[in-house]
Amino acid sequence: MRNKYLSLLPGLLVLLLFPMGPTAQNSKDINECGPPSPVDCGSSADCQNTEGGYYCTCSPGYEPVSGAMIFRNESENTCRDVDECSSRQHQCHNSTVCINTVGSYTCHCRQGWEPKPGFWDKQRNTICKEISFPTWTALSGIKSQALSHFLNRIQDLGRNFSSASVLNTVRDLVQEMGDLLETPGDLKTLPFSEQHFVVTNLLFGLENVLRGVSKALPKGSFTFNSSAGIELSLEVQAPSYRNITLIQKQTKMMLTWDTVHDSGDSGLAVVGLLSTPGMDRFLAEAPLVLDAEELTTLHETHRGLLQETSHILLSDVISAFITNKDTENLRSPVTFVFQHSVTPGPREKVHCVYWEHGQNGSGHWDTRGCWVTSTRDNSTTCQCSHLSIFAVLMAHYSVQEEDPALTVITYVGLSLSLLCLLLVALTFLLCKAIQNTSTSLHLQLSLCLFLAHLLFLTAIDRTESKVLCAFIAGALHYLYLASFTWMLLVGLHLFLSARNLTVVNYSGINRFMKKAMFPVGYGVPAVIVAISAASRPHLYGTPTSCWLHSEKGFKWGFLGPVCAIFSVNLAFFLMTLWILKRKLCSLNSEVSTLQDTRMLTFKATAQLFILGCTWFLGILQVGLAARVMAYLFTIINSLQGVFIFLVYCLLSQQVREQYRKWLKRIRKSKAESEKYTLSSRTMSDGCKHSEVRSCTAPRALH
């Protein structure tokens, strides 16, 4: 046996002497645990490097199944999770509950408890305190026994509150508020301004208390009702991705989870909806404040609007609240559906409002951040970008009756314009002697204006059917845009004709205009209307007329192109005048052409005024001059067809000569017809006379 061990001595000496050699002194240990590492200790174990080797140990929070603390491969051992909670290896505070996790644990606040300031829930160092009853600040300066009794009862509930009795506390809060609204006592005798103070204190005070004590509720859905009809719906749930819907008898609220949940809080979240029927009795004469955009839309939608005369609440006053107190700018809007029994009339407007309390404690109804998405006879759907106290309010507005004189002027003027435009179209169609590119442009302009005026006169107020009204508004949009586009082409043709005085290319101008005028004259308006209709089809038609809605600047789909065309035509007009000024200095063989161009310039100037400047009179209908501008706008625009007939027909020498020829033909034809009729009668009488003579002769023979 000894010889056996002696045989190992040479090898042992080699191993002992080898590190002392020059090669060993330069060697470096290989880190088997470092990347790239072929070592596989397992997902729940850590690799520990040693001098010339390595070993595996279970990660903190795990223990080896086999009991061996050190191993070299996952196949030799398996690490399993250590339940620190059941084994009492945790360090959670006694105000929390230990919850085991894979490889670790967290400390959760007990039900009815919340983290102390400076601590977060579900951490290993969480320290909690029992949820306390929020402070309800009493009003100062309001003398009311009923209010004092109510606040004393709230203080009693606060002193007796505990997380174990949270359900009873919430039920008592709802009942106490119901009793106060059912029997308000001397609150009804307070001045309206003081009643508004009381409403602000009651609504926001109750919301604050309910938000606080509801944190002690267990997970689930809860509904509380009072004998006076107050209804409270609460939804308590853990983080999830589903939407939340609270439904009551008269109200429904829908919101998304990311709106409810605070990103810094991982605990349960509370969503509450409180309906308080009877609160409206304390809101008499509460002012309504409209935001600037809605006020502008309202004045443009309801023609002749003067002012709001009264408003009433259509729905119950509701309070919507969530755990997260930062509800000024929500990530996504909250949707409310209110049921009501009153149907708004033609001079009544439904508003989605919230109660805005001022710095002095009073309040008013406001519409900022809330808008109506749809309204029916018995329900209104609202969306709001914040949470507060909400209601649906119907305002009644006094509207100035339409001036009968303006109505008469409109109908008489448009009727004359239709007749004159028809005469213009027939003239340019039947009078072949004057047909050219210019008359073709004027013919299309007259046809578009004729159809637009005819549709305006017969269907502008056909608002019974929304679909039909939208179609009429779209057709008017297209026809009036087409009229202005043809006016642009007339201005372009005028400029090219004047330019022809310096560059002789008239045939080229005619070919260009013939190819481009129809695609441009009818195609460009079609593209503009198609884009407008595709982007916002619901803005075609208003409650009072079948025209473009002013909401979100939709009218600029008409005003924008009109202003652009007017500006371009004005530029053409100025350049044409400059060319004519140069040519007026020289009289030569081009005198006749120059005179024709001067006549065209006069006609274009008149047209620019008739179809361009007159539309801007509508913008000037504000202030003291509104009535005068309204009359000027109505008179001039309703007589557009008459002006076109006067300028392009009666002031045209060729057309007047053609009218004379037609009149001569008519007179000649009438004279020939009368002559033929007279000769026919003469011949007929002669025949009758000869027949009588032939009959009397035989009788005489007998």
Foldseek 3Di string as FASTA:
>chain_A
DVVVVVVCVVVVVCVVCVCVDPVNVPDDFDFCQDPPHPFAADPQWHWAGDRNGIWIAGHQQWHWPVNDGTHGHNVVIPIAGDFCQVVVVADEDPQWHWDDDGRGIFTAGDQQWAFDPPAAGRHSHTDIDGQAQDDQDDDPPDDDPLSVVLVVVLVVLRVPDGLVCLVVSVQVLQQSLLVCLVCVDCLLVDPLQVLLLVLLSVFVRSVVRCLRSVSNDDADWDWHAYPNGKIKIKHKDFDDFDWDWDDDDFKIKTDTRQQFDDPRHRHIKMKMKIFDPSSQSSCPPFAEDEDPQVVVLVPVQADQFDFWDDKGFFFTWMFIDMNDPPFPATPFKMKMKGWGQAADDLQKDKAKWFWDADPVSGTHTYRPQKGWPDDDRTMTMMIGRGGHIITIMMIGTDGDDDDVVLVVLLLVLLVVLLVLLVVLLCLQVPVPVPHALLSVLVNQLSVLVNVLSVLCNPAFFVQPDLVVLLVSQLSNQLSLLLNLQSLLLLLVLLLVLLVCVVPVDVVVSRVVCVVPVPCRSRVVSVVLSVVLCVVCSSQQDGNGTRHGRPRPNSCCSRVVSLVVSLVSSVVSLVSSVVSLVVVVVDDDPCNVSSVVSVLSSVLSVLVSCLSRVLVCLCVVLDDPCNVVSSVSSSNSNSNSSVSSSCSVAVPDPVNVVVVVVVVVVVVVVVVVVVVVVVVVVVVVVVVVVVVVVVVVVVVVVD
